[in-house]
Amino acid sequence: MAGGWSRDGAVSEQIEASIAEELERMKARRSPMGESRTHCAECEEEIPEARRTAIPGVKLCIDCQQERDGRPVSRAGFNRRGSKDSQLK
């Protein structure tokens, strides 16, 4: 049931689109692109051959990657789609 000026199913479509965008963002983050580096981009330690083979396009050594994964990621706390609900704050 839609309310106001929106058509039936609009809310569900918006939720599904948001989920799809987040999944694409996560896939892009998990799969590095390009050539693997032989040395870490942050600490210049050598990246083991097994890691370069397992993760194509890897740029960081294991220690630097674990440190980066542990950092909190800040996100905007608003709906970028501009729905009426996001403007009610």
PDB file of N, CA and C in Angstrom:
ATOM      1  N   MET A   1       0.848  -1.181   0.000  1.00  0.00           N
ATOM      2  CA  MET A   1       0.000   0.000   0.000  1.00  0.00           C
ATOM      3  C   MET A   1       0.884   1.232   0.000  1.00  0.00           C
ATOM      4  N   ALA A   2       0.727   2.061  -0.981  1.00  0.00           N
ATOM      5  CA  ALA A   2       1.474   3.304  -1.064  1.00  0.00           C
ATOM      6  C   ALA A   2       0.622   4.424  -0.501  1.00  0.00           C
ATOM      7  N   GLY A   3       1.261   5.434  -0.028  1.00  0.00           N
ATOM      8  CA  GLY A   3       0.538   6.574   0.512  1.00  0.00           C
ATOM      9  C   GLY A   3       0.952   7.852  -0.172  1.00  0.00           C
ATOM     10  N   GLY A   4       0.105   8.855  -0.075  1.00  0.00           N
ATOM     11  CA  GLY A   4       0.470  10.142  -0.670  1.00  0.00           C
ATOM     12  C   GLY A   4       0.459  10.076  -2.184  1.00  0.00           C
ATOM     13  N   TRP A   5       1.493  10.611  -2.804  1.00  0.00           N
ATOM     14  CA  TRP A   5       1.556  10.669  -4.264  1.00  0.00           C
ATOM     15  C   TRP A   5       2.307   9.498  -4.882  1.00  0.00           C
ATOM     16  N   SER A   6       2.800   8.593  -4.106  1.00  0.00           N
ATOM     17  CA  SER A   6       3.578   7.479  -4.658  1.00  0.00           C
ATOM     18  C   SER A   6       2.652   6.365  -5.139  1.00  0.00           C
ATOM     19  N   ARG A   7       3.113   5.622  -6.099  1.00  0.00           N
ATOM     20  CA  ARG A   7       2.323   4.525  -6.639  1.00  0.00           C
ATOM     21  C   ARG A   7       2.537   3.276  -5.793  1.00  0.00           C
ATOM     22  N   ASP A   8       1.691   2.302  -5.971  1.00  0.00           N
ATOM     23  CA  ASP A   8       1.802   1.043  -5.235  1.00  0.00           C
ATOM     24  C   ASP A   8       3.143   0.383  -5.534  1.00  0.00           C
ATOM     25  N   GLY A   9       3.812  -0.099  -4.516  1.00  0.00           N
ATOM     26  CA  GLY A   9       5.083  -0.786  -4.681  1.00  0.00           C
ATOM     27  C   GLY A   9       6.296   0.121  -4.734  1.00  0.00           C
ATOM     28  N   ALA A  10       6.099   1.434  -4.660  1.00  0.00           N
ATOM     29  CA  ALA A  10       7.224   2.361  -4.769  1.00  0.00           C
ATOM     30  C   ALA A  10       8.204   2.199  -3.604  1.00  0.00           C
ATOM     31  N   VAL A  11       7.685   1.985  -2.424  1.00  0.00           N
ATOM     32  CA  VAL A  11       8.551   1.832  -1.256  1.00  0.00           C
ATOM     33  C   VAL A  11       9.384   0.560  -1.386  1.00  0.00           C
ATOM     34  N   SER A  12       8.756  -0.524  -1.815  1.00  0.00           N
ATOM     35  CA  SER A  12       9.476  -1.787  -1.995  1.00  0.00           C
ATOM     36  C   SER A  12      10.565  -1.643  -3.059  1.00  0.00           C
ATOM     37  N   GLU A  13      10.242  -0.957  -4.145  1.00  0.00           N
ATOM     38  CA  GLU A  13      11.237  -0.743  -5.200  1.00  0.00           C
ATOM     39  C   GLU A  13      12.416   0.075  -4.690  1.00  0.00           C
ATOM     40  N   GLN A  14      12.142   1.077  -3.867  1.00  0.00           N
ATOM     41  CA  GLN A  14      13.205   1.908  -3.314  1.00  0.00           C
ATOM     42  C   GLN A  14      14.101   1.089  -2.390  1.00  0.00           C
ATOM     43  N   ILE A  15      13.500   0.249  -1.571  1.00  0.00           N
ATOM     44  CA  ILE A  15      14.278  -0.596  -0.664  1.00  0.00           C
ATOM     45  C   ILE A  15      15.136  -1.575  -1.463  1.00  0.00           C
ATOM     46  N   GLU A  16      14.540  -2.206  -2.471  1.00  0.00           N
ATOM     47  CA  GLU A  16      15.286  -3.153  -3.300  1.00  0.00           C
ATOM     48  C   GLU A  16      16.425  -2.469  -4.044  1.00  0.00           C
ATOM     49  N   ALA A  17      16.198  -1.250  -4.540  1.00  0.00           N
ATOM     50  CA  ALA A  17      17.257  -0.505  -5.227  1.00  0.00           C
ATOM     51  C   ALA A  17      18.389  -0.160  -4.271  1.00  0.00           C
ATOM     52  N   SER A  18      18.045   0.226  -3.041  1.00  0.00           N
ATOM     53  CA  SER A  18      19.068   0.548  -2.046  1.00  0.00           C
ATOM     54  C   SER A  18      19.909  -0.686  -1.707  1.00  0.00           C
ATOM     55  N   ILE A  19      19.254  -1.822  -1.558  1.00  0.00           N
ATOM     56  CA  ILE A  19      19.963  -3.068  -1.263  1.00  0.00           C
ATOM     57  C   ILE A  19      20.872  -3.444  -2.422  1.00  0.00           C
ATOM     58  N   ALA A  20      20.371  -3.322  -3.652  1.00  0.00           N
ATOM     59  CA  ALA A  20      21.176  -3.661  -4.829  1.00  0.00           C
ATOM     60  C   ALA A  20      22.405  -2.756  -4.933  1.00  0.00           C
ATOM     61  N   GLU A  21      22.234  -1.461  -4.650  1.00  0.00           N
ATOM     62  CA  GLU A  21      23.368  -0.538  -4.690  1.00  0.00           C
ATOM     63  C   GLU A  21      24.420  -0.900  -3.644  1.00  0.00           C
ATOM     64  N   GLU A  22      23.970  -1.247  -2.457  1.00  0.00           N
ATOM     65  CA  GLU A  22      24.895  -1.614  -1.388  1.00  0.00           C
ATOM     66  C   GLU A  22      25.645  -2.897  -1.733  1.00  0.00           C
ATOM     67  N   LEU A  23      24.955  -3.869  -2.304  1.00  0.00           N
ATOM     68  CA  LEU A  23      25.610  -5.115  -2.704  1.00  0.00           C
ATOM     69  C   LEU A  23      26.662  -4.857  -3.780  1.00  0.00           C
ATOM     70  N   GLU A  24      26.369  -4.003  -4.747  1.00  0.00           N
ATOM     71  CA  GLU A  24      27.340  -3.662  -5.790  1.00  0.00           C
ATOM     72  C   GLU A  24      28.550  -2.959  -5.185  1.00  0.00           C
ATOM     73  N   ARG A  25      28.299  -2.056  -4.226  1.00  0.00           N
ATOM     74  CA  ARG A  25      29.398  -1.345  -3.569  1.00  0.00           C
ATOM     75  C   ARG A  25      30.289  -2.330  -2.820  1.00  0.00           C
ATOM     76  N   MET A  26      29.673  -3.316  -2.149  1.00  0.00           N
ATOM     77  CA  MET A  26      30.453  -4.302  -1.403  1.00  0.00           C
ATOM     78  C   MET A  26      31.256  -5.190  -2.348  1.00  0.00           C
ATOM     79  N   LYS A  27      30.662  -5.592  -3.477  1.00  0.00           N
ATOM     80  CA  LYS A  27      31.381  -6.411  -4.448  1.00  0.00           C
ATOM     81  C   LYS A  27      32.574  -5.655  -5.012  1.00  0.00           C
ATOM     82  N   ALA A  28      32.385  -4.388  -5.311  1.00  0.00           N
ATOM     83  CA  ALA A  28      33.471  -3.576  -5.858  1.00  0.00           C
ATOM     84  C   ALA A  28      34.593  -3.423  -4.839  1.00  0.00           C
ATOM     85  N   ARG A  29      34.240  -3.311  -3.583  1.00  0.00           N
ATOM     86  CA  ARG A  29      35.250  -3.145  -2.535  1.00  0.00           C
ATOM     87  C   ARG A  29      36.045  -4.432  -2.324  1.00  0.00           C
ATOM     88  N   ARG A  30      35.381  -5.580  -2.464  1.00  0.00           N
ATOM     89  CA  ARG A  30      36.033  -6.866  -2.214  1.00  0.00           C
ATOM     90  C   ARG A  30      36.908  -7.331  -3.367  1.00  0.00           C
ATOM     91  N   SER A  31      36.639  -6.877  -4.565  1.00  0.00           N
ATOM     92  CA  SER A  31      37.409  -7.366  -5.702  1.00  0.00           C
ATOM     93  C   SER A  31      38.285  -6.256  -6.275  1.00  0.00           C
ATOM     94  N   PRO A  32      39.538  -6.189  -5.834  1.00  0.00           N
ATOM     95  CA  PRO A  32      40.452  -5.188  -6.368  1.00  0.00           C
ATOM     96  C   PRO A  32      40.657  -5.397  -7.868  1.00  0.00           C
ATOM     97  N   MET A  33      40.891  -4.325  -8.564  1.00  0.00           N
ATOM     98  CA  MET A  33      41.070  -4.403 -10.005  1.00  0.00           C
ATOM     99  C   MET A  33      42.517  -4.039 -10.351  1.00  0.00           C
ATOM    100  N   GLY A  34      42.940  -4.480 -11.498  1.00  0.00           N
ATOM    101  CA  GLY A  34      44.265  -4.118 -11.980  1.00  0.00           C
ATOM    102  C   GLY A  34      45.326  -5.133 -11.594  1.00  0.00           C
ATOM    103  N   GLU A  35      46.542  -4.700 -11.764  1.00  0.00           N
ATOM    104  CA  GLU A  35      47.712  -5.544 -11.514  1.00  0.00           C
ATOM    105  C   GLU A  35      48.029  -5.595 -10.016  1.00  0.00           C
ATOM    106  N   SER A  36      48.387  -6.767  -9.517  1.00  0.00           N
ATOM    107  CA  SER A  36      48.804  -6.895  -8.119  1.00  0.00           C
ATOM    108  C   SER A  36      50.161  -6.234  -7.932  1.00  0.00           C
ATOM    109  N   ARG A  37      50.338  -5.637  -6.782  1.00  0.00           N
ATOM    110  CA  ARG A  37      51.636  -5.039  -6.459  1.00  0.00           C
ATOM    111  C   ARG A  37      52.533  -6.091  -5.820  1.00  0.00           C
ATOM    112  N   THR A  38      53.824  -5.941  -5.991  1.00  0.00           N
ATOM    113  CA  THR A  38      54.757  -6.862  -5.345  1.00  0.00           C
ATOM    114  C   THR A  38      55.086  -6.413  -3.930  1.00  0.00           C
ATOM    115  N   HIS A  39      54.924  -5.109  -3.662  1.00  0.00           N
ATOM    116  CA  HIS A  39      55.174  -4.554  -2.329  1.00  0.00           C
ATOM    117  C   HIS A  39      53.958  -3.740  -1.895  1.00  0.00           C
ATOM    118  N   CYS A  40      53.711  -3.717  -0.594  1.00  0.00           N
ATOM    119  CA  CYS A  40      52.553  -3.051  -0.008  1.00  0.00           C
ATOM    120  C   CYS A  40      52.553  -1.556  -0.337  1.00  0.00           C
ATOM    121  N   ALA A  41      51.395  -1.007  -0.641  1.00  0.00           N
ATOM    122  CA  ALA A  41      51.256   0.413  -0.970  1.00  0.00           C
ATOM    123  C   ALA A  41      51.434   1.298   0.256  1.00  0.00           C
ATOM    124  N   GLU A  42      51.279   0.751   1.460  1.00  0.00           N
ATOM    125  CA  GLU A  42      51.394   1.562   2.664  1.00  0.00           C
ATOM    126  C   GLU A  42      52.732   1.395   3.380  1.00  0.00           C
ATOM    127  N   CYS A  43      53.174   0.157   3.570  1.00  0.00           N
ATOM    128  CA  CYS A  43      54.383  -0.057   4.375  1.00  0.00           C
ATOM    129  C   CYS A  43      55.586  -0.542   3.562  1.00  0.00           C
ATOM    130  N   GLU A  44      55.388  -0.807   2.278  1.00  0.00           N
ATOM    131  CA  GLU A  44      56.447  -1.264   1.367  1.00  0.00           C
ATOM    132  C   GLU A  44      57.004  -2.652   1.684  1.00  0.00           C
ATOM    133  N   GLU A  45      56.319  -3.427   2.549  1.00  0.00           N
ATOM    134  CA  GLU A  45      56.710  -4.818   2.778  1.00  0.00           C
ATOM    135  C   GLU A  45      56.360  -5.640   1.542  1.00  0.00           C
ATOM    136  N   GLU A  46      57.098  -6.712   1.310  1.00  0.00           N
ATOM    137  CA  GLU A  46      56.808  -7.557   0.168  1.00  0.00           C
ATOM    138  C   GLU A  46      55.497  -8.316   0.398  1.00  0.00           C
ATOM    139  N   ILE A  47      54.659  -8.369  -0.624  1.00  0.00           N
ATOM    140  CA  ILE A  47      53.408  -9.127  -0.561  1.00  0.00           C
ATOM    141  C   ILE A  47      53.710 -10.537  -1.054  1.00  0.00           C
ATOM    142  N   PRO A  48      53.418 -11.563  -0.248  1.00  0.00           N
ATOM    143  CA  PRO A  48      53.730 -12.945  -0.643  1.00  0.00           C
ATOM    144  C   PRO A  48      53.045 -13.341  -1.954  1.00  0.00           C
ATOM    145  N   GLU A  49      53.709 -14.176  -2.716  1.00  0.00           N
ATOM    146  CA  GLU A  49      53.194 -14.639  -4.002  1.00  0.00           C
ATOM    147  C   GLU A  49      51.836 -15.324  -3.848  1.00  0.00           C
ATOM    148  N   ALA A  50      51.660 -16.087  -2.776  1.00  0.00           N
ATOM    149  CA  ALA A  50      50.388 -16.784  -2.551  1.00  0.00           C
ATOM    150  C   ALA A  50      49.237 -15.786  -2.412  1.00  0.00           C
ATOM    151  N   ARG A  51      49.467 -14.674  -1.734  1.00  0.00           N
ATOM    152  CA  ARG A  51      48.430 -13.641  -1.582  1.00  0.00           C
ATOM    153  C   ARG A  51      48.126 -12.974  -2.915  1.00  0.00           C
ATOM    154  N   ARG A  52      49.158 -12.709  -3.689  1.00  0.00           N
ATOM    155  CA  ARG A  52      48.954 -12.064  -4.999  1.00  0.00           C
ATOM    156  C   ARG A  52      48.178 -12.984  -5.939  1.00  0.00           C
ATOM    157  N   THR A  53      48.413 -14.285  -5.826  1.00  0.00           N
ATOM    158  CA  THR A  53      47.705 -15.254  -6.659  1.00  0.00           C
ATOM    159  C   THR A  53      46.251 -15.396  -6.206  1.00  0.00           C
ATOM    160  N   ALA A  54      46.050 -15.432  -4.891  1.00  0.00           N
ATOM    161  CA  ALA A  54      44.711 -15.635  -4.340  1.00  0.00           C
ATOM    162  C   ALA A  54      43.801 -14.428  -4.549  1.00  0.00           C
ATOM    163  N   ILE A  55      44.378 -13.215  -4.501  1.00  0.00           N
ATOM    164  CA  ILE A  55      43.582 -11.988  -4.628  1.00  0.00           C
ATOM    165  C   ILE A  55      44.163 -11.142  -5.756  1.00  0.00           C
ATOM    166  N   PRO A  56      43.671 -11.319  -6.971  1.00  0.00           N
ATOM    167  CA  PRO A  56      44.184 -10.521  -8.089  1.00  0.00           C
ATOM    168  C   PRO A  56      43.957  -9.027  -7.840  1.00  0.00           C
ATOM    169  N   GLY A  57      44.969  -8.231  -8.088  1.00  0.00           N
ATOM    170  CA  GLY A  57      44.860  -6.790  -7.908  1.00  0.00           C
ATOM    171  C   GLY A  57      45.137  -6.321  -6.495  1.00  0.00           C
ATOM    172  N   VAL A  58      45.693  -7.180  -5.652  1.00  0.00           N
ATOM    173  CA  VAL A  58      45.941  -6.817  -4.253  1.00  0.00           C
ATOM    174  C   VAL A  58      46.982  -5.698  -4.177  1.00  0.00           C
ATOM    175  N   LYS A  59      46.749  -4.750  -3.261  1.00  0.00           N
ATOM    176  CA  LYS A  59      47.637  -3.596  -3.112  1.00  0.00           C
ATOM    177  C   LYS A  59      48.288  -3.518  -1.725  1.00  0.00           C
ATOM    178  N   LEU A  60      47.714  -4.234  -0.748  1.00  0.00           N
ATOM    179  CA  LEU A  60      48.197  -4.143   0.632  1.00  0.00           C
ATOM    180  C   LEU A  60      48.631  -5.502   1.157  1.00  0.00           C
ATOM    181  N   CYS A  61      49.605  -5.470   2.082  1.00  0.00           N
ATOM    182  CA  CYS A  61      50.014  -6.707   2.757  1.00  0.00           C
ATOM    183  C   CYS A  61      48.914  -7.097   3.749  1.00  0.00           C
ATOM    184  N   ILE A  62      49.031  -8.264   4.332  1.00  0.00           N
ATOM    185  CA  ILE A  62      47.994  -8.766   5.235  1.00  0.00           C
ATOM    186  C   ILE A  62      47.830  -7.860   6.445  1.00  0.00           C
ATOM    187  N   ASP A  63      48.941  -7.428   7.058  1.00  0.00           N
ATOM    188  CA  ASP A  63      48.857  -6.585   8.252  1.00  0.00           C
ATOM    189  C   ASP A  63      48.158  -5.261   7.960  1.00  0.00           C
ATOM    190  N   CYS A  64      48.532  -4.595   6.874  1.00  0.00           N
ATOM    191  CA  CYS A  64      47.912  -3.310   6.528  1.00  0.00           C
ATOM    192  C   CYS A  64      46.446  -3.488   6.170  1.00  0.00           C
ATOM    193  N   GLN A  65      46.104  -4.582   5.504  1.00  0.00           N
ATOM    194  CA  GLN A  65      44.711  -4.831   5.143  1.00  0.00           C
ATOM    195  C   GLN A  65      43.876  -5.084   6.391  1.00  0.00           C
ATOM    196  N   GLN A  66      44.415  -5.835   7.353  1.00  0.00           N
ATOM    197  CA  GLN A  66      43.684  -6.085   8.590  1.00  0.00           C
ATOM    198  C   GLN A  66      43.481  -4.787   9.366  1.00  0.00           C
ATOM    199  N   GLU A  67      44.488  -3.930   9.371  1.00  0.00           N
ATOM    200  CA  GLU A  67      44.355  -2.640  10.050  1.00  0.00           C
ATOM    201  C   GLU A  67      43.284  -1.789   9.381  1.00  0.00           C
ATOM    202  N   ARG A  68      43.280  -1.773   8.057  1.00  0.00           N
ATOM    203  CA  ARG A  68      42.290  -0.985   7.318  1.00  0.00           C
ATOM    204  C   ARG A  68      40.888  -1.550   7.533  1.00  0.00           C
ATOM    205  N   ASP A  69      40.740  -2.868   7.564  1.00  0.00           N
ATOM    206  CA  ASP A  69      39.427  -3.484   7.773  1.00  0.00           C
ATOM    207  C   ASP A  69      38.874  -3.185   9.158  1.00  0.00           C
ATOM    208  N   GLY A  70      39.744  -2.944  10.122  1.00  0.00           N
ATOM    209  CA  GLY A  70      39.305  -2.668  11.480  1.00  0.00           C
ATOM    210  C   GLY A  70      38.852  -1.245  11.700  1.00  0.00           C
ATOM    211  N   ARG A  71      39.160  -0.336  10.776  1.00  0.00           N
ATOM    212  CA  ARG A  71      38.749   1.067  10.927  1.00  0.00           C
ATOM    213  C   ARG A  71      37.261   1.214  10.634  1.00  0.00           C
ATOM    214  N   PRO A  72      36.575   2.027  11.448  1.00  0.00           N
ATOM    215  CA  PRO A  72      35.159   2.266  11.148  1.00  0.00           C
ATOM    216  C   PRO A  72      35.015   3.148   9.908  1.00  0.00           C
ATOM    217  N   VAL A  73      33.984   2.881   9.127  1.00  0.00           N
ATOM    218  CA  VAL A  73      33.717   3.652   7.919  1.00  0.00           C
ATOM    219  C   VAL A  73      32.532   4.558   8.192  1.00  0.00           C
ATOM    220  N   SER A  74      32.715   5.864   8.034  1.00  0.00           N
ATOM    221  CA  SER A  74      31.604   6.782   8.266  1.00  0.00           C
ATOM    222  C   SER A  74      30.742   6.858   7.012  1.00  0.00           C
ATOM    223  N   ARG A  75      29.458   6.936   7.244  1.00  0.00           N
ATOM    224  CA  ARG A  75      28.495   7.008   6.141  1.00  0.00           C
ATOM    225  C   ARG A  75      27.528   8.142   6.406  1.00  0.00           C
ATOM    226  N   ALA A  76      27.001   8.662   5.332  1.00  0.00           N
ATOM    227  CA  ALA A  76      25.992   9.700   5.453  1.00  0.00           C
ATOM    228  C   ALA A  76      24.731   9.092   6.059  1.00  0.00           C
ATOM    229  N   GLY A  77      24.093   9.815   6.928  1.00  0.00           N
ATOM    230  CA  GLY A  77      22.910   9.306   7.601  1.00  0.00           C
ATOM    231  C   GLY A  77      21.623   9.805   6.977  1.00  0.00           C
ATOM    232  N   PHE A  78      21.590   9.897   5.664  1.00  0.00           N
ATOM    233  CA  PHE A  78      20.367  10.362   5.027  1.00  0.00           C
ATOM    234  C   PHE A  78      20.097   9.560   3.767  1.00  0.00           C
ATOM    235  N   ASN A  79      18.871   9.641   3.326  1.00  0.00           N
ATOM    236  CA  ASN A  79      18.441   8.918   2.132  1.00  0.00           C
ATOM    237  C   ASN A  79      18.762   9.768   0.910  1.00  0.00           C
ATOM    238  N   ARG A  80      19.710   9.326   0.081  1.00  0.00           N
ATOM    239  CA  ARG A  80      20.127  10.113  -1.071  1.00  0.00           C
ATOM    240  C   ARG A  80      19.097  10.098  -2.193  1.00  0.00           C
ATOM    241  N   ARG A  81      18.093   9.292  -2.095  1.00  0.00           N
ATOM    242  CA  ARG A  81      17.084   9.236  -3.152  1.00  0.00           C
ATOM    243  C   ARG A  81      16.089  10.395  -3.044  1.00  0.00           C
ATOM    244  N   GLY A  82      16.102  11.138  -1.958  1.00  0.00           N
ATOM    245  CA  GLY A  82      15.263  12.319  -1.850  1.00  0.00           C
ATOM    246  C   GLY A  82      13.791  12.012  -1.629  1.00  0.00           C
ATOM    247  N   SER A  83      13.474  10.935  -0.934  1.00  0.00           N
ATOM    248  CA  SER A  83      12.073  10.632  -0.680  1.00  0.00           C
ATOM    249  C   SER A  83      11.522  11.607   0.358  1.00  0.00           C
ATOM    250  N   LYS A  84      10.200  11.651   0.449  1.00  0.00           N
ATOM    251  CA  LYS A  84       9.570  12.548   1.432  1.00  0.00           C
ATOM    252  C   LYS A  84      10.022  12.192   2.842  1.00  0.00           C
ATOM    253  N   ASP A  85      10.175  10.907   3.121  1.00  0.00           N
ATOM    254  CA  ASP A  85      10.553  10.479   4.464  1.00  0.00           C
ATOM    255  C   ASP A  85      11.904  11.039   4.882  1.00  0.00           C
ATOM    256  N   SER A  86      12.831  11.173   3.930  1.00  0.00           N
ATOM    257  CA  SER A  86      14.158  11.672   4.280  1.00  0.00           C
ATOM    258  C   SER A  86      14.134  13.157   4.584  1.00  0.00           C
ATOM    259  N   GLN A  87      13.069  13.837   4.221  1.00  0.00           N
ATOM    260  CA  GLN A  87      12.978  15.282   4.420  1.00  0.00           C
ATOM    261  C   GLN A  87      12.185  15.638   5.664  1.00  0.00           C
ATOM    262  N   LEU A  88      11.707  14.639   6.391  1.00  0.00           N
ATOM    263  CA  LEU A  88      10.868  14.891   7.558  1.00  0.00           C
ATOM    264  C   LEU A  88      11.660  15.092   8.834  1.00  0.00           C
ATOM    265  N   LYS A  89      12.972  15.048   8.784  1.00  0.00           N
ATOM    266  CA  LYS A  89      13.782  15.178  10.001  1.00  0.00           C
ATOM    267  C   LYS A  89      13.764  16.575  10.538  1.00  0.00           C
TER     268      LYS A  89
END
